[in-house]
Amino acid sequence: MNRLTESEKLTSPFVKQKRNPFLSSGFLILTGGCLALFLFLLFESESGDSSTSQPTASEASARNSEKAKRKELIAYLQNHPDDEFAHFQLGELIQDRAPFQALENFSHVTERHPRYYEAVEAIAKIAMEQGLDDRATSALFILVREFPEERRYQKSMAELLFQQGRSNRALRYARRNIELGGEAADDYLLVAEILKQAGRTIEMTGPLKQALYQEPGLYDAHLNLAYAALYSGDLETATREAKWCLAEKPESTTALRYLAIINRNQGNIEKSISYIDQAMGTDPEDLESLLLKADLLIYQRKGEQAYELLKPLYANQQTDRRYISALARAAGLAGKREEALELQQLNQRLIKEEDLRPSSLQSESVQKRQAGRK
């Protein structure tokens, strides 16, 4: 196989001489009859620090050199498409400016290449940046399998799986990241947020306290602690943390919503409505706030008002089971029995569709098989 090296395959780039910008400017100024201004500018440019022009020339030279390398590598690969060394070189050169093409180039690099795992890491990075989750996951599986003690791969895998909603698997990698020395506040916060996604609310408190020990003013940790306390039944802590968040960010719809839920659970319905109205004043389209407001109206037996609040959202939220369930209750309370029945049937269909989706365990087994074939 032909291998491209710098000494054998690449020619020295020809650097074009940069034209003096003042010369062309002077010509334009002379033609306009402004000779005095031209002389002033020329004097200023000559008397100034000459070193300021050097970075520009150096950068231009580097750009020309890189451009020449790209052109030569592209031309070379047209005749030698199996040269993985050339593919790696080109991938490095174009990674920032043409990520999808770089992804293709890095994909040609095999385990025979001495920098194979660098290519795999580049694939993972590009794929995550471009939203190509399957490619990113496959690449990261290769890296965590080959380098089980490398913390950054464990954390990247945890973050990617968390974004995909595969919380149980994400938790494994997030905890492994901490075992390997990831003790920054955001490492513990990641564990807490994965636990939140998994519905394991009570377990969130431990990592959140660790995060706040590392960074006492971390807003997201306080907000998550309010959530954890709220859904663990510790309303005192939930209230304290939600109010701390509200003091930091007075327009936080999430903190206002937590306070609304706390007051609803304590039977303070009017105060709860006051908080949720504040939240809706900040963001009238926030679905969570709208659902809570509808729930409070239904509690007050104000079915028609709840129905009028929710019905306009149907076109955009008709696949959200929580929304459909709330609208069905509001419709029933408002006397719209046929519509309530139809909405209940729709909710049942959505439940069945959700049950038919592949589980995260199934998804990961597929990814492992794909990684094993690399």
Protein backbone atom coordinates (compact mmCIF):
# COMPACT_ATOMS: atom_id res chain seq x y z
CA MET A 1 0.00 0.00 0.00
CA ASN A 2 1.31 3.44 -0.92
CA ARG A 3 2.00 5.54 2.12
CA LEU A 4 2.08 9.29 1.99
CA THR A 5 4.84 11.00 3.92
CA GLU A 6 5.73 14.63 4.24
CA SER A 7 9.14 14.18 2.61
CA GLU A 8 8.10 11.91 -0.25
CA LYS A 9 4.59 12.99 -1.20
CA LEU A 10 4.20 16.64 -0.26
CA THR A 11 5.84 19.46 -2.16
CA SER A 12 6.90 22.68 -0.49
CA PRO A 13 4.01 25.16 -0.78
CA PHE A 14 4.57 28.27 -2.84
CA VAL A 15 3.82 31.31 -0.73
CA LYS A 16 2.55 34.26 -2.70
CA GLN A 17 4.10 37.61 -1.77
CA LYS A 18 1.58 39.68 0.15
CA ARG A 19 0.82 43.03 -1.52
CA ASN A 20 1.32 46.13 0.57
CA PRO A 21 -2.21 47.25 1.50
CA PHE A 22 -1.09 50.85 1.79
CA LEU A 23 0.06 50.92 -1.85
CA SER A 24 -3.38 50.22 -3.25
CA SER A 25 -4.98 52.49 -0.67
CA GLY A 26 -2.57 55.25 -1.66
CA PHE A 27 -3.49 54.88 -5.28
CA LEU A 28 -7.17 55.25 -4.49
CA ILE A 29 -6.49 58.23 -2.30
CA LEU A 30 -4.28 59.91 -4.91
CA THR A 31 -6.95 59.46 -7.54
CA GLY A 32 -9.35 61.15 -5.17
CA GLY A 33 -7.06 64.14 -4.68
CA CYS A 34 -6.26 63.42 -1.01
CA LEU A 35 -2.47 63.36 -1.13
CA ALA A 36 -2.05 64.75 2.38
CA LEU A 37 -4.12 61.96 3.91
CA PHE A 38 -2.12 59.36 1.99
CA LEU A 39 1.19 60.78 3.30
CA PHE A 40 -0.17 60.82 6.84
CA LEU A 41 -1.23 57.20 6.64
CA LEU A 42 2.05 56.20 5.09
CA PHE A 43 3.99 57.98 7.82
CA GLU A 44 1.92 56.33 10.53
CA SER A 45 2.41 52.87 9.06
CA GLU A 46 6.18 53.28 8.74
CA SER A 47 6.68 54.87 12.16
CA GLY A 48 4.54 52.31 13.95
CA ASP A 49 5.81 49.05 15.40
CA SER A 50 6.83 46.97 12.38
CA SER A 51 6.30 43.78 14.32
CA THR A 52 2.52 44.19 14.08
CA SER A 53 2.60 43.23 10.40
CA GLN A 54 4.57 40.04 11.02
CA PRO A 55 1.70 37.88 12.42
CA THR A 56 -0.41 38.69 9.40
CA ALA A 57 2.27 37.55 6.98
CA SER A 58 2.95 34.46 9.08
CA GLU A 59 -0.75 33.56 9.23
CA ALA A 60 -1.11 34.04 5.50
CA SER A 61 1.87 31.78 4.89
CA ALA A 62 0.44 29.10 7.19
CA ARG A 63 -2.94 29.28 5.47
CA ASN A 64 -1.35 28.95 2.04
CA SER A 65 0.75 26.02 3.22
CA GLU A 66 -2.28 24.24 4.70
CA LYS A 67 -4.33 24.88 1.58
CA ALA A 68 -1.58 23.42 -0.60
CA LYS A 69 -1.40 20.32 1.61
CA ARG A 70 -5.15 19.83 1.40
CA LYS A 71 -5.15 20.10 -2.38
CA GLU A 72 -2.26 17.70 -2.74
CA LEU A 73 -3.79 15.14 -0.38
CA ILE A 74 -7.16 15.30 -2.15
CA ALA A 75 -5.47 14.82 -5.52
CA TYR A 76 -3.36 11.98 -4.14
CA LEU A 77 -6.39 10.17 -2.65
CA GLN A 78 -8.19 10.24 -5.97
CA ASN A 79 -5.50 7.87 -7.25
CA HIS A 80 -4.81 6.07 -3.96
CA PRO A 81 -8.19 5.84 -2.16
CA ASP A 82 -7.01 3.06 0.19
CA ASP A 83 -4.10 4.98 1.72
CA GLU A 84 -5.24 5.34 5.31
CA PHE A 85 -2.20 7.47 6.22
CA ALA A 86 -3.31 10.06 3.70
CA HIS A 87 -6.90 9.81 4.97
CA PHE A 88 -5.71 10.49 8.52
CA GLN A 89 -3.64 13.49 7.42
CA LEU A 90 -6.51 14.98 5.45
CA GLY A 91 -8.96 14.35 8.30
CA GLU A 92 -6.72 16.30 10.67
CA LEU A 93 -6.42 19.19 8.22
CA ILE A 94 -10.14 19.59 7.48
CA GLN A 95 -11.67 18.53 10.81
CA ASP A 96 -12.72 22.06 11.78
CA ARG A 97 -13.76 23.36 8.37
CA ALA A 98 -15.37 20.24 6.83
CA PRO A 99 -16.37 17.90 9.69
CA PHE A 100 -18.49 15.49 7.67
CA GLN A 101 -15.74 14.94 5.10
CA ALA A 102 -13.21 14.56 7.93
CA LEU A 103 -15.48 11.94 9.49
CA GLU A 104 -15.37 10.01 6.23
CA ASN A 105 -11.58 10.27 6.07
CA PHE A 106 -11.08 9.11 9.66
CA SER A 107 -13.42 6.18 8.99
CA HIS A 108 -10.86 4.81 6.50
CA VAL A 109 -8.24 4.50 9.26
CA THR A 110 -7.85 0.92 10.52
CA GLU A 111 -6.13 -0.67 13.49
CA ARG A 112 -3.00 -1.06 11.36
CA HIS A 113 -2.47 2.69 11.61
CA PRO A 114 -0.29 3.74 14.58
CA ARG A 115 -2.74 6.56 15.39
CA TYR A 116 -5.90 4.51 14.96
CA TYR A 117 -7.35 5.40 18.36
CA GLU A 118 -6.78 9.09 17.71
CA ALA A 119 -8.90 8.65 14.60
CA VAL A 120 -11.59 6.90 16.65
CA GLU A 121 -11.55 9.73 19.20
CA ALA A 122 -11.86 12.26 16.38
CA ILE A 123 -14.84 10.34 15.00
CA ALA A 124 -16.50 10.40 18.44
CA LYS A 125 -15.88 14.13 18.82
CA ILE A 126 -17.18 15.06 15.36
CA ALA A 127 -20.17 12.75 15.64
CA MET A 128 -21.21 14.24 19.01
CA GLU A 129 -20.84 17.77 17.69
CA GLN A 130 -22.93 16.97 14.61
CA GLY A 131 -25.64 15.02 16.47
CA LEU A 132 -24.69 11.64 14.97
CA ASP A 133 -25.41 9.67 18.13
CA ASP A 134 -24.98 6.18 16.71
CA ARG A 135 -21.56 6.96 15.25
CA ALA A 136 -20.47 8.67 18.46
CA THR A 137 -21.65 5.80 20.66
CA SER A 138 -19.93 3.15 18.52
CA ALA A 139 -16.66 5.07 18.62
CA LEU A 140 -16.84 5.65 22.37
CA PHE A 141 -17.53 1.96 23.00
CA ILE A 142 -14.25 1.17 21.25
CA LEU A 143 -12.40 3.72 23.39
CA VAL A 144 -13.84 2.71 26.78
CA ARG A 145 -13.16 -0.94 25.96
CA GLU A 146 -9.56 -0.27 24.94
CA PHE A 147 -8.83 2.35 27.63
CA PRO A 148 -10.99 1.44 30.67
CA GLU A 149 -8.90 3.65 32.97
CA GLU A 150 -9.21 6.78 30.80
CA ARG A 151 -11.64 9.02 32.65
CA ARG A 152 -12.57 11.36 29.81
CA TYR A 153 -13.95 8.50 27.72
CA GLN A 154 -16.10 7.31 30.63
CA LYS A 155 -17.51 10.81 31.11
CA SER A 156 -18.15 11.38 27.40
CA MET A 157 -19.99 8.07 27.20
CA ALA A 158 -22.07 8.97 30.27
CA GLU A 159 -23.01 12.36 28.80
CA LEU A 160 -23.93 10.87 25.42
CA LEU A 161 -26.09 8.09 26.89
CA PHE A 162 -27.73 10.63 29.21
CA GLN A 163 -28.64 12.80 26.21
CA GLN A 164 -30.15 9.73 24.58
CA GLY A 165 -32.27 9.02 27.66
CA ARG A 166 -30.45 5.77 28.43
CA SER A 167 -30.07 6.62 32.07
CA ASN A 168 -29.24 3.22 33.57
CA ARG A 169 -26.27 2.74 31.26
CA ALA A 170 -25.23 6.37 31.56
CA LEU A 171 -25.10 6.03 35.35
CA ARG A 172 -22.58 3.23 35.13
CA TYR A 173 -20.13 5.35 33.15
CA ALA A 174 -20.74 8.49 35.24
CA ARG A 175 -19.94 6.62 38.44
CA ARG A 176 -16.90 5.04 36.85
CA ASN A 177 -15.73 8.54 35.94
CA ILE A 178 -15.86 9.49 39.63
CA GLU A 179 -14.07 6.29 40.66
CA LEU A 180 -11.23 7.25 38.33
CA GLY A 181 -10.83 10.64 39.98
CA GLY A 182 -13.59 12.81 38.57
CA GLU A 183 -14.38 14.78 41.70
CA ALA A 184 -15.28 18.17 40.24
CA ALA A 185 -18.72 19.60 40.95
CA ASP A 186 -19.94 18.91 37.41
CA ASP A 187 -18.95 15.22 37.72
CA TYR A 188 -21.26 14.80 40.72
CA LEU A 189 -23.94 16.93 39.10
CA LEU A 190 -23.92 14.63 36.07
CA VAL A 191 -24.58 11.61 38.33
CA ALA A 192 -27.46 13.48 40.02
CA GLU A 193 -29.07 14.49 36.73
CA ILE A 194 -28.86 10.92 35.42
CA LEU A 195 -30.51 9.68 38.63
CA LYS A 196 -33.21 12.30 38.11
CA GLN A 197 -33.82 11.05 34.58
CA ALA A 198 -34.03 7.48 35.91
CA GLY A 199 -36.62 8.48 38.51
CA ARG A 200 -34.28 7.57 41.39
CA THR A 201 -34.98 10.79 43.23
CA ILE A 202 -33.91 9.83 46.75
CA GLU A 203 -30.42 8.85 45.52
CA MET A 204 -29.82 12.34 44.10
CA THR A 205 -29.12 13.97 47.46
CA GLY A 206 -25.69 12.36 48.00
CA PRO A 207 -24.00 13.47 44.77
CA LEU A 208 -25.68 16.89 44.96
CA LYS A 209 -24.22 17.52 48.41
CA GLN A 210 -20.82 16.50 47.05
CA ALA A 211 -21.26 18.94 44.17
CA LEU A 212 -22.18 21.77 46.56
CA TYR A 213 -19.22 20.90 48.79
CA GLN A 214 -16.97 21.43 45.77
CA GLU A 215 -18.83 24.51 44.53
CA PRO A 216 -21.27 25.99 47.09
CA GLY A 217 -22.82 28.50 44.69
CA LEU A 218 -23.56 26.03 41.87
CA TYR A 219 -27.08 27.02 40.79
CA ASP A 220 -27.95 23.79 38.99
CA ALA A 221 -27.02 21.75 42.06
CA HIS A 222 -29.31 23.85 44.30
CA LEU A 223 -32.14 23.56 41.77
CA ASN A 224 -31.73 19.80 41.53
CA LEU A 225 -31.59 19.53 45.31
CA ALA A 226 -34.91 21.38 45.49
CA TYR A 227 -36.34 18.83 43.04
CA ALA A 228 -34.89 15.85 44.92
CA ALA A 229 -36.20 17.10 48.26
CA LEU A 230 -39.62 17.91 46.79
CA TYR A 231 -40.16 14.45 45.35
CA SER A 232 -38.65 12.74 48.38
CA GLY A 233 -41.14 14.45 50.68
CA ASP A 234 -38.67 16.82 52.36
CA LEU A 235 -40.69 19.99 51.77
CA GLU A 236 -38.63 22.07 54.18
CA THR A 237 -35.42 21.50 52.22
CA ALA A 238 -37.29 21.84 48.94
CA THR A 239 -38.66 25.23 50.00
CA ARG A 240 -35.29 26.49 51.20
CA GLU A 241 -33.49 25.46 48.00
CA ALA A 242 -36.22 26.72 45.67
CA LYS A 243 -36.22 30.12 47.41
CA TRP A 244 -32.41 30.26 47.19
CA CYS A 245 -32.69 29.66 43.44
CA LEU A 246 -35.43 32.27 43.11
CA ALA A 247 -33.27 34.82 44.92
CA GLU A 248 -30.47 34.12 42.45
CA LYS A 249 -32.74 34.13 39.40
CA PRO A 250 -36.09 35.85 40.14
CA GLU A 251 -37.55 34.81 36.76
CA SER A 252 -36.75 31.11 37.12
CA THR A 253 -39.91 29.34 35.99
CA THR A 254 -38.59 26.06 37.42
CA ALA A 255 -38.06 27.47 40.93
CA LEU A 256 -41.49 29.15 40.81
CA ARG A 257 -43.07 25.89 39.70
CA TYR A 258 -41.42 23.97 42.54
CA LEU A 259 -42.78 26.49 45.05
CA ALA A 260 -46.22 26.16 43.46
CA ILE A 261 -46.08 22.36 43.85
CA ILE A 262 -44.87 22.63 47.45
CA ASN A 263 -47.76 24.94 48.35
CA ARG A 264 -50.25 22.74 46.51
CA ASN A 265 -49.01 19.72 48.49
CA GLN A 266 -49.41 21.73 51.70
CA GLY A 267 -52.95 22.71 50.74
CA ASN A 268 -52.16 26.37 50.02
CA ILE A 269 -53.96 26.43 46.68
CA GLU A 270 -54.23 30.19 46.28
CA LYS A 271 -50.54 30.68 47.02
CA SER A 272 -49.73 27.86 44.64
CA ILE A 273 -51.73 29.56 41.88
CA SER A 274 -49.91 32.82 42.62
CA TYR A 275 -46.53 31.17 42.06
CA ILE A 276 -47.63 29.42 38.88
CA ASP A 277 -49.12 32.63 37.50
CA GLN A 278 -45.74 34.28 38.06
CA ALA A 279 -44.07 31.48 36.13
CA MET A 280 -46.55 31.78 33.26
CA GLY A 281 -46.05 35.53 33.22
CA THR A 282 -42.37 34.89 32.51
CA ASP A 283 -42.96 32.10 29.99
CA PRO A 284 -46.59 31.74 28.85
CA GLU A 285 -45.74 28.71 26.68
CA ASP A 286 -43.96 26.63 29.33
CA LEU A 287 -45.74 23.26 29.16
CA GLU A 288 -44.88 22.22 32.72
CA SER A 289 -46.41 25.41 34.12
CA LEU A 290 -49.51 25.07 31.94
CA LEU A 291 -50.06 21.49 33.07
CA LEU A 292 -49.70 22.48 36.72
CA LYS A 293 -52.09 25.41 36.30
CA ALA A 294 -54.62 23.07 34.64
CA ASP A 295 -54.21 20.59 37.51
CA LEU A 296 -54.93 23.34 40.03
CA LEU A 297 -58.02 24.44 38.08
CA ILE A 298 -59.27 20.85 37.92
CA TYR A 299 -58.70 20.55 41.68
CA GLN A 300 -60.94 23.60 42.07
CA ARG A 301 -63.54 21.93 39.82
CA LYS A 302 -63.00 24.58 37.13
CA GLY A 303 -63.04 22.14 34.25
CA GLU A 304 -64.05 24.60 31.54
CA GLN A 305 -61.17 26.95 32.40
CA ALA A 306 -58.70 24.07 32.43
CA TYR A 307 -60.01 22.86 29.07
CA GLU A 308 -59.71 26.33 27.50
CA LEU A 309 -56.16 26.60 28.84
CA LEU A 310 -55.03 23.26 27.39
CA LYS A 311 -57.00 22.84 24.16
CA PRO A 312 -54.97 25.35 22.07
CA LEU A 313 -51.87 23.21 22.66
CA TYR A 314 -53.35 20.10 21.04
CA ALA A 315 -51.71 20.47 17.60
CA ASN A 316 -48.20 20.53 19.09
CA GLN A 317 -48.66 18.28 22.14
CA GLN A 318 -50.93 15.49 20.89
CA THR A 319 -48.19 12.86 21.36
CA ASP A 320 -47.44 13.88 24.97
CA ARG A 321 -49.22 11.45 27.28
CA ARG A 322 -49.24 13.80 30.27
CA TYR A 323 -50.86 16.52 28.19
CA ILE A 324 -53.45 14.17 26.68
CA SER A 325 -54.31 12.78 30.13
CA ALA A 326 -54.77 16.30 31.58
CA LEU A 327 -56.88 17.41 28.61
CA ALA A 328 -59.04 14.29 28.96
CA ARG A 329 -59.71 15.07 32.64
CA ALA A 330 -60.48 18.71 31.84
CA ALA A 331 -62.82 17.71 29.00
CA GLY A 332 -64.64 15.25 31.25
CA LEU A 333 -65.06 17.81 34.01
CA ALA A 334 -66.30 20.36 31.45
CA GLY A 335 -69.00 17.94 30.28
CA LYS A 336 -67.35 17.05 26.96
CA ARG A 337 -67.75 13.32 27.48
CA GLU A 338 -67.25 12.12 23.90
CA GLU A 339 -64.05 14.11 23.50
CA ALA A 340 -62.84 12.90 26.90
CA LEU A 341 -63.39 9.30 25.79
CA GLU A 342 -61.52 9.86 22.53
CA LEU A 343 -58.63 11.42 24.43
CA GLN A 344 -58.50 8.49 26.83
CA GLN A 345 -58.34 6.08 23.87
CA LEU A 346 -55.55 8.16 22.33
CA ASN A 347 -53.67 8.00 25.62
CA GLN A 348 -53.93 4.20 25.61
CA ARG A 349 -52.52 4.06 22.08
CA LEU A 350 -49.60 6.26 23.11
CA ILE A 351 -48.88 3.93 26.04
CA LYS A 352 -48.80 0.92 23.70
CA GLU A 353 -46.50 2.70 21.24
CA GLU A 354 -44.14 3.56 24.06
CA ASP A 355 -44.07 -0.05 25.24
CA LEU A 356 -43.06 -1.22 21.75
CA ARG A 357 -39.97 0.99 21.61
CA PRO A 358 -36.63 -0.83 22.01
CA SER A 359 -35.22 -0.68 25.50
CA SER A 360 -31.87 0.86 26.33
CA LEU A 361 -30.54 -2.64 27.05
CA GLN A 362 -31.44 -3.75 23.54
CA SER A 363 -29.91 -0.60 22.06
CA GLU A 364 -26.64 -1.08 23.90
CA SER A 365 -26.31 -4.72 22.84
CA VAL A 366 -26.57 -3.57 19.22
CA GLN A 367 -23.89 -0.93 19.82
CA LYS A 368 -21.56 -3.48 21.39
CA ARG A 369 -21.90 -5.78 18.39
CA GLN A 370 -21.15 -2.87 16.08
CA ALA A 371 -18.10 -1.88 18.14
CA GLY A 372 -16.88 -5.48 18.13
CA ARG A 373 -16.79 -5.49 14.34
CA LYS A 374 -14.50 -2.44 14.17
